[in-house]
């Protein structure tokens, strides 16, 4: 059996799918170790996987050499047969390349061609050229030649594998399937989570007739994101506190408001929690992360999306095209606007029908198995191309 290293970005939406793949590989007898931040150690060890800490992971493009040297030190005495890394991380890819070990990259969101990337094209090119210089300096530190593929100077493709790139996303959410990297394999959204029928659910609000609305937040620690997230959380509290039904807010931080929560509101900090909360939901309010969108599809729950960044706006637009969501731009957010959007979705039937038609296509365990099959083929053949 193989020794496998997995390295994810420091975001739950990237780590949780990797844990799904990792647990399936370990179930098949492989030894799996996950490199991540100390804050994720309990979650990784709860999944039954080995944990090793690395620190330079938050903004790796700004610390290319530091990240690479730290990761090299962590893995210095570790022999491994396969590296699986988030496509936005170059350090693990460089280490695998240096050792002559196959590596696979993975992506948990839709792929967008260069021509549609946000920003001014010539500025983007200049930034990529600057990153290429930093990347080549880091590569030289461990005796690697300069990058030969300019595609790997793009932030979300810095760790792109030429041999196997796992697209952990529902194909319907990827609007340009013919323009993905050549090594791409669509395996669907991998999933790790507690059995929704096992143990005690964290939600205690009960006995409230009416719809159950779940508000999801992001684990990304960016000031602009926090401002928008707080805006739609506060709007939801103003609109639905004390109203018929239940409001469940999923947050990474405890409630810190000045007034007590209404009796019909529950504030949940347990993660991951999609498989616990979404089966109860009639509607989900989210920033549009693909993990949340796909779990909502899995459980047939319509969405209100308040996009935080360009990738979320693209995902929201795609969900609108599929007829499964409404979008509210952050600058339009208010309790009144949110309440109107929620009422439209709860009283209409089209979105519910559309999302339930897609629901059978999202199967996290099947995606885990497809991903593990692909990785075992890579171990044998060293390349899928």
Protein backbone atom coordinates (compact mmCIF):
# COMPACT_ATOMS: atom_id res chain seq x y z
CA UNK A 1 0.00 0.00 0.00
CA UNK A 2 1.10 3.58 -0.67
CA UNK A 3 2.16 6.42 1.59
CA UNK A 4 0.17 9.50 0.49
CA UNK A 5 0.57 13.16 1.47
CA UNK A 6 -2.34 15.61 1.12
CA UNK A 7 -1.88 19.39 1.35
CA UNK A 8 -4.87 21.73 1.26
CA UNK A 9 -5.38 25.46 1.41
CA UNK A 10 -6.30 26.71 4.88
CA UNK A 11 -10.03 26.95 4.15
CA UNK A 12 -12.73 24.47 5.14
CA UNK A 13 -14.19 24.51 1.64
CA UNK A 14 -10.86 23.17 0.36
CA UNK A 15 -9.93 20.92 3.30
CA UNK A 16 -13.20 19.02 3.78
CA UNK A 17 -13.31 17.56 0.22
CA UNK A 18 -9.64 16.55 0.62
CA UNK A 19 -10.54 14.73 3.84
CA UNK A 20 -13.27 12.86 1.97
CA UNK A 21 -10.74 11.64 -0.58
CA UNK A 22 -8.16 10.94 2.13
CA UNK A 23 -10.50 8.83 4.25
CA UNK A 24 -11.49 6.74 1.22
CA UNK A 25 -7.83 6.15 0.33
CA UNK A 26 -7.08 5.16 3.93
CA UNK A 27 -10.12 2.86 3.98
CA UNK A 28 -8.50 1.04 1.05
CA UNK A 29 -5.36 0.43 3.08
CA UNK A 30 -3.16 3.37 2.11
CA UNK A 31 -1.41 5.50 4.73
CA UNK A 32 -2.56 9.14 4.47
CA UNK A 33 -0.97 12.17 6.11
CA UNK A 34 -2.46 15.68 5.88
CA UNK A 35 -0.29 18.79 6.17
CA UNK A 36 -2.27 21.74 7.49
CA UNK A 37 -2.57 24.47 10.11
CA UNK A 38 -2.74 23.60 13.81
CA UNK A 39 -6.34 24.85 14.02
CA UNK A 40 -7.45 21.97 11.77
CA UNK A 41 -5.65 19.25 13.72
CA UNK A 42 -8.78 18.07 15.65
CA UNK A 43 -10.81 17.76 12.44
CA UNK A 44 -8.05 15.87 10.59
CA UNK A 45 -7.39 13.48 13.46
CA UNK A 46 -11.13 12.96 13.97
CA UNK A 47 -11.15 11.74 10.35
CA UNK A 48 -8.54 9.15 11.36
CA UNK A 49 -5.75 10.69 9.29
CA UNK A 50 -2.22 11.56 10.37
CA UNK A 51 -1.58 15.28 10.92
CA UNK A 52 1.59 17.32 10.45
CA UNK A 53 1.67 21.05 11.02
CA UNK A 54 2.85 23.68 8.58
CA UNK A 55 2.46 27.42 9.11
CA UNK A 56 3.21 29.24 5.84
CA UNK A 57 -0.06 28.26 4.25
CA UNK A 58 -2.39 31.19 4.52
CA UNK A 59 -1.11 33.24 1.59
CA UNK A 60 1.46 30.92 0.00
CA UNK A 61 1.93 33.03 -3.13
CA UNK A 62 3.42 35.77 -0.93
CA UNK A 63 5.82 33.39 0.82
CA UNK A 64 6.83 30.98 -1.93
CA UNK A 65 10.37 30.22 -0.76
CA UNK A 66 9.48 30.26 2.95
CA UNK A 67 6.58 27.86 2.38
CA UNK A 68 8.70 25.55 0.25
CA UNK A 69 11.59 25.37 2.70
CA UNK A 70 9.30 24.81 5.68
CA UNK A 71 7.40 22.04 3.91
CA UNK A 72 10.64 20.47 2.77
CA UNK A 73 11.84 20.40 6.40
CA UNK A 74 8.56 18.85 7.60
CA UNK A 75 8.82 16.11 4.96
CA UNK A 76 12.60 15.65 5.07
CA UNK A 77 12.47 12.26 6.80
CA UNK A 78 9.16 11.20 5.25
CA UNK A 79 9.11 8.81 2.32
CA UNK A 80 5.96 9.03 0.23
CA UNK A 81 4.61 7.58 -3.00
CA UNK A 82 2.07 10.22 -4.01
CA UNK A 83 1.42 13.89 -3.31
CA UNK A 84 -2.10 15.33 -3.58
CA UNK A 85 -2.17 19.11 -3.36
CA UNK A 86 -4.60 21.95 -3.76
CA UNK A 87 -3.92 23.43 -7.20
CA UNK A 88 -3.35 26.83 -5.57
CA UNK A 89 -0.28 25.55 -3.67
CA UNK A 90 3.03 25.30 -5.48
CA UNK A 91 5.32 24.13 -2.64
CA UNK A 92 4.03 20.53 -2.37
CA UNK A 93 4.08 20.21 -6.16
CA UNK A 94 7.71 21.36 -6.29
CA UNK A 95 8.72 18.89 -3.56
CA UNK A 96 7.08 15.99 -5.40
CA UNK A 97 8.70 17.14 -8.64
CA UNK A 98 12.11 17.29 -6.96
CA UNK A 99 11.75 13.78 -5.56
CA UNK A 100 10.46 12.34 -8.81
CA UNK A 101 7.21 11.31 -7.13
CA UNK A 102 3.87 11.62 -8.98
CA UNK A 103 1.55 14.32 -7.76
CA UNK A 104 -2.08 15.16 -8.37
CA UNK A 105 -3.66 18.57 -7.99
CA UNK A 106 -7.27 19.24 -7.14
CA UNK A 107 -9.71 22.12 -7.46
CA UNK A 108 -12.95 22.54 -5.50
CA UNK A 109 -14.45 25.34 -7.61
CA UNK A 110 -15.29 25.95 -11.25
CA UNK A 111 -12.41 26.58 -13.64
CA UNK A 112 -12.39 29.94 -15.40
CA UNK A 113 -10.31 30.59 -18.54
CA UNK A 114 -7.65 33.31 -18.51
CA UNK A 115 -9.79 35.49 -20.78
CA UNK A 116 -12.45 35.77 -18.05
CA UNK A 117 -10.22 36.34 -15.04
CA UNK A 118 -11.06 39.54 -13.11
CA UNK A 119 -8.81 42.57 -13.35
CA UNK A 120 -6.99 44.37 -16.15
CA UNK A 121 -5.30 41.85 -18.48
CA UNK A 122 -1.91 43.58 -18.68
CA UNK A 123 -1.85 44.00 -14.89
CA UNK A 124 -2.69 40.32 -14.44
CA UNK A 125 0.13 39.39 -16.80
CA UNK A 126 2.58 41.59 -14.89
CA UNK A 127 1.55 40.02 -11.58
CA UNK A 128 1.97 36.54 -13.02
CA UNK A 129 5.42 37.47 -14.30
CA UNK A 130 6.34 38.66 -10.79
CA UNK A 131 5.07 35.40 -9.32
CA UNK A 132 7.00 33.43 -11.94
CA UNK A 133 10.20 35.14 -10.79
CA UNK A 134 9.49 34.33 -7.13
CA UNK A 135 8.55 30.75 -8.01
CA UNK A 136 11.72 30.20 -10.02
CA UNK A 137 13.84 31.58 -7.17
CA UNK A 138 12.17 29.08 -4.85
CA UNK A 139 12.65 26.25 -7.31
CA UNK A 140 16.34 27.11 -7.63
CA UNK A 141 16.69 26.76 -3.84
CA UNK A 142 15.93 23.04 -4.12
CA UNK A 143 17.68 22.46 -7.43
CA UNK A 144 14.72 22.55 -9.82
CA UNK A 145 14.84 24.18 -13.27
CA UNK A 146 12.66 27.22 -14.07
CA UNK A 147 8.96 26.68 -14.74
CA UNK A 148 8.26 25.53 -18.26
CA UNK A 149 4.47 26.00 -18.10
CA UNK A 150 3.23 29.60 -17.81
CA UNK A 151 -0.20 28.26 -16.73
CA UNK A 152 1.40 27.48 -13.36
CA UNK A 153 2.04 31.19 -12.72
CA UNK A 154 -1.70 31.73 -12.13
CA UNK A 155 -2.56 31.73 -8.43
CA UNK A 156 -5.16 28.98 -8.53
CA UNK A 157 -2.98 26.82 -10.80
CA UNK A 158 0.40 27.22 -9.08
CA UNK A 159 0.39 23.54 -8.10
CA UNK A 160 -1.29 22.24 -11.27
CA UNK A 161 -0.28 18.67 -12.05
CA UNK A 162 0.43 17.76 -15.67
CA UNK A 163 -0.59 14.18 -14.89
CA UNK A 164 -3.85 14.33 -12.91
CA UNK A 165 -5.94 17.36 -11.97
CA UNK A 166 -9.05 16.42 -9.98
CA UNK A 167 -12.09 18.62 -10.58
CA UNK A 168 -14.06 18.18 -7.35
CA UNK A 169 -17.14 19.90 -8.70
CA UNK A 170 -20.44 19.04 -10.33
CA UNK A 171 -19.97 19.42 -14.07
CA UNK A 172 -23.16 21.50 -14.31
CA UNK A 173 -21.51 24.17 -12.13
CA UNK A 174 -18.49 24.37 -14.43
CA UNK A 175 -19.56 26.55 -17.39
CA UNK A 176 -16.47 25.92 -19.56
CA UNK A 177 -15.82 22.15 -19.46
CA UNK A 178 -13.92 22.25 -22.77
CA UNK A 179 -11.37 24.78 -21.47
CA UNK A 180 -10.20 23.03 -18.30
CA UNK A 181 -6.51 22.02 -18.01
CA UNK A 182 -5.65 18.99 -20.20
CA UNK A 183 -4.95 16.75 -17.20
CA UNK A 184 -8.40 17.38 -15.68
CA UNK A 185 -10.63 14.56 -14.45
CA UNK A 186 -14.14 15.42 -13.24
CA UNK A 187 -14.80 13.33 -10.14
CA UNK A 188 -17.53 15.47 -8.55
CA UNK A 189 -17.66 16.99 -5.06
CA UNK A 190 -15.83 14.80 -2.56
CA UNK A 191 -17.29 14.91 0.92
CA UNK A 192 -16.38 14.25 4.52
CA UNK A 193 -18.84 14.78 7.34
CA UNK A 194 -20.57 13.24 10.27
CA UNK A 195 -23.44 10.87 9.59
CA UNK A 196 -26.59 13.02 9.89
CA UNK A 197 -28.38 10.13 11.58
CA UNK A 198 -25.65 9.55 14.15
CA UNK A 199 -25.16 11.30 17.47
CA UNK A 200 -26.86 14.45 18.68
CA UNK A 201 -27.51 17.28 16.30
CA UNK A 202 -26.19 20.65 17.49
CA UNK A 203 -29.49 22.40 16.83
CA UNK A 204 -31.77 22.81 19.84
CA UNK A 205 -34.45 25.22 18.55
CA UNK A 206 -37.58 23.12 18.16
CA UNK A 207 -41.33 23.49 18.01
CA UNK A 208 -41.46 26.52 15.70
CA UNK A 209 -43.97 26.14 12.88
CA UNK A 210 -42.80 27.56 9.58
CA UNK A 211 -39.75 27.32 7.32
CA UNK A 212 -36.24 26.51 8.49
CA UNK A 213 -33.67 28.97 7.09
CA UNK A 214 -29.94 28.21 7.38
CA UNK A 215 -27.34 30.98 7.08
CA UNK A 216 -23.83 29.84 6.12
CA UNK A 217 -20.63 31.87 6.43
CA UNK A 218 -17.10 31.67 5.04
CA UNK A 219 -13.90 30.55 6.77
CA UNK A 220 -11.84 32.98 4.65
CA UNK A 221 -10.29 35.63 6.90
CA UNK A 222 -10.47 38.72 4.69
CA UNK A 223 -11.75 42.07 5.89
CA UNK A 224 -13.98 42.67 2.85
CA UNK A 225 -15.42 39.19 3.16
CA UNK A 226 -16.08 39.65 6.88
CA UNK A 227 -17.94 42.90 6.24
CA UNK A 228 -20.27 41.34 3.66
CA UNK A 229 -20.78 38.20 5.74
CA UNK A 230 -21.68 40.21 8.82
CA UNK A 231 -24.04 42.29 6.69
CA UNK A 232 -26.13 39.35 5.53
CA UNK A 233 -26.02 37.65 8.95
CA UNK A 234 -27.35 40.81 10.57
CA UNK A 235 -29.98 41.21 7.84
CA UNK A 236 -31.15 37.63 8.43
CA UNK A 237 -31.39 38.21 12.19
CA UNK A 238 -33.39 41.40 11.69
CA UNK A 239 -35.70 39.82 9.13
CA UNK A 240 -36.43 36.45 10.73
CA UNK A 241 -35.83 36.70 14.50
CA UNK A 242 -39.09 36.11 16.35
CA UNK A 243 -40.90 35.14 13.14
CA UNK A 244 -42.65 31.81 12.48
CA UNK A 245 -40.14 29.11 11.65
CA UNK A 246 -36.49 28.63 12.58
CA UNK A 247 -33.30 30.50 11.74
CA UNK A 248 -30.01 28.61 12.08
CA UNK A 249 -26.78 30.61 11.72
CA UNK A 250 -23.62 28.60 11.05
CA UNK A 251 -20.58 30.63 12.06
CA UNK A 252 -16.95 29.98 12.96
CA UNK A 253 -17.20 32.35 15.92
CA UNK A 254 -19.61 32.36 18.88
CA UNK A 255 -22.46 34.85 18.88
CA UNK A 256 -21.23 38.22 20.16
CA UNK A 257 -24.31 40.40 19.70
CA UNK A 258 -25.47 42.83 22.35
CA UNK A 259 -29.02 41.46 22.52
CA UNK A 260 -29.95 37.84 23.26
CA UNK A 261 -30.90 35.64 20.34
CA UNK A 262 -34.62 35.19 19.76
CA UNK A 263 -36.17 31.90 20.79
CA UNK A 264 -36.41 30.69 17.18
CA UNK A 265 -32.70 31.34 16.42
CA UNK A 266 -29.85 28.89 16.89
CA UNK A 267 -26.17 29.83 16.50
CA UNK A 268 -24.05 26.82 15.49
CA UNK A 269 -20.23 26.68 15.52
CA UNK A 270 -19.77 22.93 14.98
CA UNK A 271 -17.96 22.17 11.69
CA UNK A 272 -18.33 20.54 9.25
CA UNK A 273 -22.10 20.75 9.62
CA UNK A 274 -23.74 20.73 6.18
CA UNK A 275 -24.88 17.12 6.55
CA UNK A 276 -26.37 17.95 9.94
CA UNK A 277 -28.14 21.19 9.06
CA UNK A 278 -29.14 21.01 5.41
CA UNK A 279 -31.57 18.06 5.71
CA UNK A 280 -33.62 20.32 8.01
CA UNK A 281 -33.47 23.40 5.77
CA UNK A 282 -36.13 24.85 3.49
CA UNK A 283 -33.76 27.58 2.26
CA UNK A 284 -30.05 28.39 2.55
CA UNK A 285 -28.42 31.84 2.58
CA UNK A 286 -24.75 31.69 1.58
CA UNK A 287 -21.84 33.59 0.04
CA UNK A 288 -21.69 31.05 -2.79
CA UNK A 289 -18.82 28.72 -1.93
CA UNK A 290 -19.01 25.63 -4.14
CA UNK A 291 -19.01 23.25 -1.16
CA UNK A 292 -22.15 24.87 0.24
CA UNK A 293 -23.81 25.10 -3.18
CA UNK A 294 -23.25 21.43 -3.92
CA UNK A 295 -24.46 20.26 -0.51
CA UNK A 296 -27.58 22.39 -1.02
CA UNK A 297 -28.10 20.66 -4.36
CA UNK A 298 -27.54 17.29 -2.68
CA UNK A 299 -30.37 17.97 -0.24
CA UNK A 300 -32.60 19.79 -2.75
CA UNK A 301 -32.62 23.16 -0.95
CA UNK A 302 -32.92 26.47 -2.89
CA UNK A 303 -30.44 29.26 -2.20
CA UNK A 304 -30.06 32.98 -1.73
CA UNK A 305 -26.47 33.84 -2.70
CA UNK A 306 -24.65 36.98 -1.54
CA UNK A 307 -21.33 36.72 -3.45
CA UNK A 308 -18.14 37.81 -1.72
CA UNK A 309 -15.70 37.72 -4.64
CA UNK A 310 -15.60 37.21 -8.42
CA UNK A 311 -15.53 33.40 -8.14
CA UNK A 312 -18.64 33.49 -5.96
CA UNK A 313 -20.35 35.88 -8.38
CA UNK A 314 -19.61 33.48 -11.25
CA UNK A 315 -20.99 30.56 -9.25
CA UNK A 316 -24.08 32.60 -8.37
CA UNK A 317 -24.65 33.46 -12.03
CA UNK A 318 -24.40 29.79 -12.94
CA UNK A 319 -26.91 28.86 -10.22
CA UNK A 320 -29.26 31.53 -11.56
CA UNK A 321 -28.93 29.99 -15.04
CA UNK A 322 -29.78 26.60 -13.58
CA UNK A 323 -32.82 28.14 -11.88
CA UNK A 324 -31.91 27.07 -8.34
CA UNK A 325 -31.08 30.37 -6.62
CA UNK A 326 -31.55 34.10 -6.30
CA UNK A 327 -28.63 36.50 -5.99
CA UNK A 328 -28.37 39.67 -3.92
CA UNK A 329 -25.36 41.90 -4.56
CA UNK A 330 -23.65 42.94 -1.28
CA UNK A 331 -24.37 46.64 -1.82
CA UNK A 332 -28.11 45.86 -2.04
CA UNK A 333 -28.21 43.83 1.16
CA UNK A 334 -30.84 44.79 3.73
CA UNK A 335 -33.35 42.96 5.90
CA UNK A 336 -36.14 43.98 3.52
CA UNK A 337 -34.30 42.85 0.37
CA UNK A 338 -33.35 39.54 1.95
CA UNK A 339 -36.86 38.90 3.25
CA UNK A 340 -38.36 39.50 -0.20
CA UNK A 341 -35.90 37.12 -1.88
CA UNK A 342 -36.51 34.42 0.73
CA UNK A 343 -40.30 34.77 0.41
CA UNK A 344 -40.11 34.47 -3.39
CA UNK A 345 -38.11 31.25 -3.16
CA UNK A 346 -40.22 29.72 -0.40
CA UNK A 347 -43.51 30.41 -2.17
CA UNK A 348 -42.34 29.52 -5.69
CA UNK A 349 -41.95 25.97 -6.92
CA UNK A 350 -39.63 26.30 -9.90
CA UNK A 351 -36.35 26.52 -7.96
CA UNK A 352 -37.28 23.57 -5.75
CA UNK A 353 -38.10 21.43 -8.76
CA UNK A 354 -34.90 22.42 -10.58
CA UNK A 355 -32.60 21.75 -7.65
CA UNK A 356 -34.23 18.42 -6.86
CA UNK A 357 -33.65 17.29 -10.44
CA UNK A 358 -29.93 17.97 -9.94
CA UNK A 359 -29.80 16.37 -6.49
CA UNK A 360 -29.03 12.77 -7.56
CA UNK A 361 -25.90 13.99 -9.38
CA UNK A 362 -24.24 15.06 -6.11
CA UNK A 363 -22.98 12.02 -4.22
CA UNK A 364 -19.96 12.74 -2.04
CA UNK A 365 -19.17 9.10 -1.31
CA UNK A 366 -19.29 8.19 -5.00
CA UNK A 367 -16.97 11.13 -5.73
CA UNK A 368 -14.60 9.93 -3.00
CA UNK A 369 -14.50 6.53 -4.68
CA UNK A 370 -13.92 8.00 -8.14
CA UNK A 371 -11.11 10.13 -6.76
CA UNK A 372 -9.50 7.16 -5.01
CA UNK A 373 -9.78 5.05 -8.18
CA UNK A 374 -8.05 7.85 -10.11
CA UNK A 375 -5.26 8.14 -7.53
CA UNK A 376 -4.66 4.39 -7.52
CA UNK A 377 -4.38 4.49 -11.32
CA UNK A 378 -1.87 7.32 -11.00
CA UNK A 379 0.17 5.30 -8.51
CA UNK A 380 0.37 2.43 -10.98
CA UNK A 381 0.81 4.34 -14.24
CA UNK A 382 2.54 7.53 -12.94
CA UNK A 383 0.38 9.55 -15.35
CA UNK A 384 -3.20 9.49 -16.63
CA UNK A 385 -2.37 11.15 -19.95
